[in-house]
């Protein structure tokens, strides 16, 4: 099992959710986060004062999947979230040792 963590632009979350639903992915976690990378920040003018915005709003998706679905999920996220502009985000794939569904006690792939 793998945990796929994707940091994407916030306005792309619905597109990614729809793409993953089409693959049969039934659950994910969405967190609103802020960050910066190569996109850097930008300056904004508010009431005559200029402010530097270092951290930009992003969406963090976390999806636990079986090993055989990893490539399909990563491809779907890339296609659905890409804009070909700087700041599209990153995807991280990490190993999951164990998954347990609290309600039923199911473990492993059955818990996904």
N, C-alpha and C. Protein backbone atom coordinates (compact mmCIF):
# COMPACT_ATOMS: atom_id res chain seq x y z
N UNK A 1 0.85 -1.17 0.00
CA UNK A 1 0.00 0.00 0.00
C UNK A 1 0.89 1.24 0.00
N UNK A 2 0.37 2.29 -0.60
CA UNK A 2 1.11 3.55 -0.70
C UNK A 2 0.22 4.71 -0.25
N UNK A 3 0.88 5.75 0.26
CA UNK A 3 0.20 7.00 0.57
C UNK A 3 0.67 8.01 -0.46
N UNK A 4 -0.27 8.52 -1.22
CA UNK A 4 0.04 9.52 -2.24
C UNK A 4 -0.37 10.88 -1.68
N UNK A 5 0.59 11.78 -1.59
CA UNK A 5 0.35 13.14 -1.10
C UNK A 5 0.59 14.08 -2.26
N UNK A 6 -0.41 14.86 -2.60
CA UNK A 6 -0.30 15.80 -3.71
C UNK A 6 -0.55 17.21 -3.20
N UNK A 7 0.36 18.11 -3.54
CA UNK A 7 0.19 19.53 -3.24
C UNK A 7 -0.16 20.20 -4.56
N UNK A 8 -1.37 20.75 -4.66
CA UNK A 8 -1.85 21.29 -5.93
C UNK A 8 -2.46 22.68 -5.72
N UNK A 9 -2.78 23.31 -6.83
CA UNK A 9 -3.48 24.61 -6.76
C UNK A 9 -4.90 24.37 -6.27
N UNK A 10 -5.39 25.22 -5.38
CA UNK A 10 -6.71 24.98 -4.76
C UNK A 10 -7.87 24.87 -5.75
N UNK A 11 -7.84 25.62 -6.83
CA UNK A 11 -8.97 25.59 -7.76
C UNK A 11 -9.02 24.31 -8.60
N UNK A 12 -8.02 23.44 -8.44
CA UNK A 12 -7.98 22.18 -9.19
C UNK A 12 -8.50 20.99 -8.38
N UNK A 13 -8.92 21.21 -7.15
CA UNK A 13 -9.31 20.08 -6.29
C UNK A 13 -10.52 19.32 -6.84
N UNK A 14 -11.52 20.03 -7.35
CA UNK A 14 -12.69 19.34 -7.89
C UNK A 14 -12.35 18.51 -9.12
N UNK A 15 -11.48 19.03 -9.98
CA UNK A 15 -11.06 18.28 -11.16
C UNK A 15 -10.34 16.99 -10.77
N UNK A 16 -9.48 17.09 -9.76
CA UNK A 16 -8.74 15.91 -9.30
C UNK A 16 -9.69 14.91 -8.65
N UNK A 17 -10.61 15.39 -7.84
CA UNK A 17 -11.57 14.49 -7.19
C UNK A 17 -12.38 13.71 -8.23
N UNK A 18 -12.85 14.41 -9.27
CA UNK A 18 -13.62 13.75 -10.32
C UNK A 18 -12.78 12.71 -11.07
N UNK A 19 -11.53 13.04 -11.35
CA UNK A 19 -10.65 12.11 -12.05
C UNK A 19 -10.39 10.86 -11.21
N UNK A 20 -10.19 11.05 -9.90
CA UNK A 20 -9.94 9.90 -9.03
C UNK A 20 -11.21 9.08 -8.81
N UNK A 21 -12.35 9.73 -8.77
CA UNK A 21 -13.62 8.99 -8.64
C UNK A 21 -13.83 8.09 -9.85
N UNK A 22 -13.42 8.56 -11.02
CA UNK A 22 -13.54 7.76 -12.24
C UNK A 22 -12.67 6.51 -12.18
N UNK A 23 -11.61 6.54 -11.40
CA UNK A 23 -10.74 5.37 -11.21
C UNK A 23 -11.27 4.43 -10.13
N UNK A 24 -12.29 4.86 -9.40
CA UNK A 24 -12.84 4.04 -8.33
C UNK A 24 -12.25 4.35 -6.96
N UNK A 25 -11.51 5.45 -6.84
CA UNK A 25 -10.97 5.86 -5.55
C UNK A 25 -12.12 6.42 -4.73
N UNK A 26 -12.36 5.82 -3.57
CA UNK A 26 -13.56 6.17 -2.81
C UNK A 26 -13.31 7.14 -1.66
N UNK A 27 -12.05 7.47 -1.38
CA UNK A 27 -11.81 8.38 -0.28
C UNK A 27 -10.48 9.09 -0.39
N UNK A 28 -10.45 10.28 0.16
CA UNK A 28 -9.22 11.06 0.21
C UNK A 28 -9.38 12.11 1.28
N UNK A 29 -8.28 12.70 1.68
CA UNK A 29 -8.29 13.77 2.67
C UNK A 29 -7.78 15.04 2.00
N UNK A 30 -8.50 16.13 2.21
CA UNK A 30 -8.11 17.43 1.64
C UNK A 30 -7.81 18.39 2.79
N UNK A 31 -6.65 19.02 2.72
CA UNK A 31 -6.26 20.01 3.72
C UNK A 31 -5.87 21.28 3.00
N UNK A 32 -6.33 22.42 3.49
CA UNK A 32 -5.89 23.70 2.94
C UNK A 32 -4.58 24.07 3.61
N UNK A 33 -3.54 24.28 2.81
CA UNK A 33 -2.22 24.58 3.33
C UNK A 33 -1.66 25.81 2.62
N UNK A 34 -0.53 26.29 3.10
CA UNK A 34 0.19 27.38 2.45
C UNK A 34 1.63 26.95 2.28
N UNK A 35 2.25 27.41 1.21
CA UNK A 35 3.63 27.05 1.00
C UNK A 35 4.23 27.86 -0.14
N UNK A 36 5.51 27.63 -0.34
CA UNK A 36 6.16 28.25 -1.49
C UNK A 36 7.30 27.37 -1.95
N UNK A 37 7.62 27.50 -3.20
CA UNK A 37 8.73 26.78 -3.80
C UNK A 37 9.32 27.69 -4.85
N UNK A 38 9.44 27.18 -6.04
CA UNK A 38 9.98 27.99 -7.14
C UNK A 38 9.05 29.12 -7.54
N UNK A 39 7.77 28.95 -7.22
CA UNK A 39 6.79 29.99 -7.57
C UNK A 39 7.05 31.27 -6.78
N UNK A 40 7.71 31.12 -5.64
CA UNK A 40 7.98 32.24 -4.73
C UNK A 40 6.66 32.88 -4.31
N UNK A 41 6.73 34.08 -3.84
CA UNK A 41 5.52 34.79 -3.44
C UNK A 41 5.23 35.92 -4.41
N UNK A 42 4.44 36.85 -3.96
CA UNK A 42 4.14 38.03 -4.77
C UNK A 42 3.82 39.18 -3.82
N UNK A 43 3.73 40.37 -4.36
CA UNK A 43 3.40 41.53 -3.53
C UNK A 43 1.97 41.96 -3.82
N UNK A 44 1.31 42.45 -2.79
CA UNK A 44 -0.05 42.97 -2.91
C UNK A 44 -0.10 44.34 -2.29
N UNK A 45 -0.98 45.15 -2.80
CA UNK A 45 -1.18 46.49 -2.28
C UNK A 45 -2.48 46.51 -1.48
N UNK A 46 -2.42 46.91 -0.21
CA UNK A 46 -3.60 46.96 0.63
C UNK A 46 -3.60 48.28 1.38
N UNK A 47 -4.61 49.08 1.13
CA UNK A 47 -4.76 50.40 1.76
C UNK A 47 -3.48 51.24 1.65
N UNK A 48 -2.91 51.22 0.48
CA UNK A 48 -1.74 52.04 0.22
C UNK A 48 -0.42 51.46 0.66
N UNK A 49 -0.45 50.34 1.36
CA UNK A 49 0.80 49.71 1.81
C UNK A 49 1.06 48.45 0.99
N UNK A 50 2.30 48.22 0.69
CA UNK A 50 2.68 47.05 -0.08
C UNK A 50 3.08 45.92 0.85
N UNK A 51 2.51 44.72 0.64
CA UNK A 51 2.80 43.56 1.46
C UNK A 51 3.39 42.45 0.59
N UNK A 52 4.38 41.77 1.13
CA UNK A 52 4.95 40.62 0.44
C UNK A 52 4.25 39.36 0.95
N UNK A 53 3.66 38.62 0.04
CA UNK A 53 2.98 37.37 0.38
C UNK A 53 3.95 36.24 0.03
N UNK A 54 4.59 35.67 1.06
CA UNK A 54 5.58 34.61 0.83
C UNK A 54 4.91 33.25 0.63
N UNK A 55 3.94 32.95 1.44
CA UNK A 55 3.29 31.64 1.38
C UNK A 55 1.99 31.75 0.60
N UNK A 56 1.87 30.92 -0.43
CA UNK A 56 0.70 30.93 -1.29
C UNK A 56 -0.25 29.80 -0.90
N UNK A 57 -1.56 30.02 -1.05
CA UNK A 57 -2.51 28.96 -0.70
C UNK A 57 -2.38 27.77 -1.65
N UNK A 58 -2.40 26.59 -1.07
CA UNK A 58 -2.34 25.33 -1.82
C UNK A 58 -3.33 24.36 -1.21
N UNK A 59 -3.59 23.26 -1.90
CA UNK A 59 -4.43 22.19 -1.39
C UNK A 59 -3.56 20.94 -1.27
N UNK A 60 -3.68 20.26 -0.15
CA UNK A 60 -2.93 19.02 0.07
C UNK A 60 -3.91 17.85 0.08
N UNK A 61 -3.74 16.95 -0.87
CA UNK A 61 -4.57 15.75 -0.96
C UNK A 61 -3.77 14.56 -0.48
N UNK A 62 -4.40 13.71 0.32
CA UNK A 62 -3.77 12.48 0.77
C UNK A 62 -4.69 11.32 0.40
N UNK A 63 -4.13 10.36 -0.34
CA UNK A 63 -4.90 9.23 -0.82
C UNK A 63 -4.13 7.95 -0.53
N UNK A 64 -4.74 7.02 0.17
CA UNK A 64 -4.12 5.71 0.41
C UNK A 64 -4.64 4.76 -0.66
N UNK A 65 -3.72 4.09 -1.35
CA UNK A 65 -4.12 3.20 -2.45
C UNK A 65 -3.33 1.90 -2.40
N UNK A 66 -3.88 0.89 -3.06
CA UNK A 66 -3.17 -0.38 -3.22
C UNK A 66 -2.02 -0.17 -4.21
N UNK A 67 -1.00 -0.97 -4.10
CA UNK A 67 0.20 -0.82 -4.94
C UNK A 67 -0.11 -0.82 -6.44
N UNK A 68 -1.09 -1.63 -6.86
CA UNK A 68 -1.37 -1.74 -8.30
C UNK A 68 -2.07 -0.50 -8.87
N UNK A 69 -2.54 0.41 -8.04
CA UNK A 69 -3.23 1.62 -8.52
C UNK A 69 -2.36 2.87 -8.50
N UNK A 70 -1.14 2.77 -7.99
CA UNK A 70 -0.31 3.96 -7.78
C UNK A 70 -0.08 4.73 -9.07
N UNK A 71 0.36 4.05 -10.12
CA UNK A 71 0.68 4.75 -11.37
C UNK A 71 -0.55 5.43 -11.97
N UNK A 72 -1.70 4.74 -11.94
CA UNK A 72 -2.93 5.32 -12.48
C UNK A 72 -3.34 6.56 -11.70
N UNK A 73 -3.24 6.51 -10.38
CA UNK A 73 -3.62 7.64 -9.54
C UNK A 73 -2.69 8.82 -9.78
N UNK A 74 -1.39 8.57 -9.82
CA UNK A 74 -0.43 9.64 -10.06
C UNK A 74 -0.67 10.28 -11.43
N UNK A 75 -0.89 9.47 -12.46
CA UNK A 75 -1.16 10.01 -13.80
C UNK A 75 -2.43 10.85 -13.81
N UNK A 76 -3.46 10.38 -13.14
CA UNK A 76 -4.72 11.12 -13.09
C UNK A 76 -4.57 12.46 -12.39
N UNK A 77 -3.83 12.47 -11.29
CA UNK A 77 -3.60 13.72 -10.57
C UNK A 77 -2.83 14.70 -11.45
N UNK A 78 -1.79 14.21 -12.11
CA UNK A 78 -0.98 15.08 -12.99
C UNK A 78 -1.83 15.69 -14.10
N UNK A 79 -2.64 14.88 -14.75
CA UNK A 79 -3.47 15.36 -15.85
C UNK A 79 -4.54 16.34 -15.37
N UNK A 80 -5.17 16.02 -14.25
CA UNK A 80 -6.28 16.84 -13.77
C UNK A 80 -5.82 18.13 -13.11
N UNK A 81 -4.61 18.17 -12.56
CA UNK A 81 -4.18 19.36 -11.82
C UNK A 81 -3.19 20.23 -12.59
N UNK A 82 -2.69 19.74 -13.69
CA UNK A 82 -1.68 20.48 -14.43
C UNK A 82 -2.22 21.68 -15.18
N UNK A 83 -1.48 22.78 -15.14
CA UNK A 83 -1.82 23.99 -15.92
C UNK A 83 -0.65 24.40 -16.80
N UNK A 84 0.45 23.66 -16.72
CA UNK A 84 1.69 23.99 -17.44
C UNK A 84 2.27 25.33 -17.02
N UNK A 85 1.96 25.74 -15.80
CA UNK A 85 2.52 26.98 -15.26
C UNK A 85 3.24 26.66 -13.96
N UNK A 86 4.14 27.55 -13.57
CA UNK A 86 4.87 27.36 -12.33
C UNK A 86 3.89 27.34 -11.16
N UNK A 87 4.15 26.50 -10.19
CA UNK A 87 3.27 26.40 -9.02
C UNK A 87 2.22 25.33 -9.11
N UNK A 88 2.30 24.45 -10.13
CA UNK A 88 1.32 23.36 -10.25
C UNK A 88 1.38 22.40 -9.08
N UNK A 89 2.54 22.26 -8.46
CA UNK A 89 2.63 21.44 -7.26
C UNK A 89 3.55 20.26 -7.39
N UNK A 90 3.42 19.35 -6.43
CA UNK A 90 4.25 18.15 -6.36
C UNK A 90 3.40 16.96 -5.89
N UNK A 91 3.90 15.77 -6.19
CA UNK A 91 3.26 14.53 -5.72
C UNK A 91 4.35 13.71 -5.03
N UNK A 92 4.02 13.22 -3.84
CA UNK A 92 4.93 12.37 -3.07
C UNK A 92 4.27 11.01 -2.87
N UNK A 93 5.03 9.95 -3.08
CA UNK A 93 4.52 8.59 -2.88
C UNK A 93 5.37 7.93 -1.78
N UNK A 94 4.70 7.51 -0.71
CA UNK A 94 5.40 6.87 0.41
C UNK A 94 4.76 5.53 0.74
N UNK A 95 5.54 4.65 1.33
CA UNK A 95 5.04 3.33 1.73
C UNK A 95 4.14 3.45 2.95
N UNK A 96 3.10 2.63 2.98
CA UNK A 96 2.22 2.51 4.15
C UNK A 96 2.42 1.11 4.73
N UNK A 97 2.77 1.04 5.98
CA UNK A 97 2.95 -0.27 6.61
C UNK A 97 1.63 -0.95 6.90
N UNK A 98 0.67 -0.18 7.42
CA UNK A 98 -0.59 -0.78 7.83
C UNK A 98 -1.70 0.25 7.75
N UNK A 99 -2.88 -0.21 7.37
CA UNK A 99 -4.09 0.60 7.38
C UNK A 99 -5.15 -0.19 8.14
N UNK A 100 -5.87 0.49 9.03
CA UNK A 100 -6.90 -0.17 9.84
C UNK A 100 -8.16 0.67 9.78
N UNK A 101 -9.27 0.04 9.40
CA UNK A 101 -10.56 0.71 9.44
C UNK A 101 -11.08 0.58 10.87
N UNK A 102 -11.25 1.70 11.54
CA UNK A 102 -11.60 1.70 12.96
C UNK A 102 -12.95 1.02 13.21
N UNK A 103 -13.94 1.31 12.39
CA UNK A 103 -15.29 0.80 12.62
C UNK A 103 -15.36 -0.72 12.59
N UNK A 104 -14.69 -1.34 11.59
CA UNK A 104 -14.83 -2.78 11.41
C UNK A 104 -13.61 -3.58 11.85
N UNK A 105 -12.48 -2.92 12.00
CA UNK A 105 -11.26 -3.61 12.35
C UNK A 105 -10.55 -4.21 11.15
N UNK A 106 -11.06 -3.97 9.93
CA UNK A 106 -10.41 -4.48 8.72
C UNK A 106 -9.02 -3.88 8.60
N UNK A 107 -8.11 -4.66 8.02
CA UNK A 107 -6.73 -4.18 7.89
C UNK A 107 -6.26 -4.35 6.44
N UNK A 108 -5.15 -3.69 6.13
CA UNK A 108 -4.54 -3.82 4.81
C UNK A 108 -5.42 -3.24 3.71
N UNK A 109 -5.36 -3.88 2.53
CA UNK A 109 -6.13 -3.41 1.37
C UNK A 109 -7.63 -3.42 1.63
N UNK A 110 -8.10 -4.33 2.48
CA UNK A 110 -9.52 -4.38 2.80
C UNK A 110 -10.00 -3.11 3.50
N UNK A 111 -9.10 -2.45 4.20
CA UNK A 111 -9.47 -1.22 4.92
C UNK A 111 -9.54 -0.01 4.01
N UNK A 112 -8.95 -0.11 2.81
CA UNK A 112 -8.99 1.02 1.90
C UNK A 112 -10.35 1.13 1.28
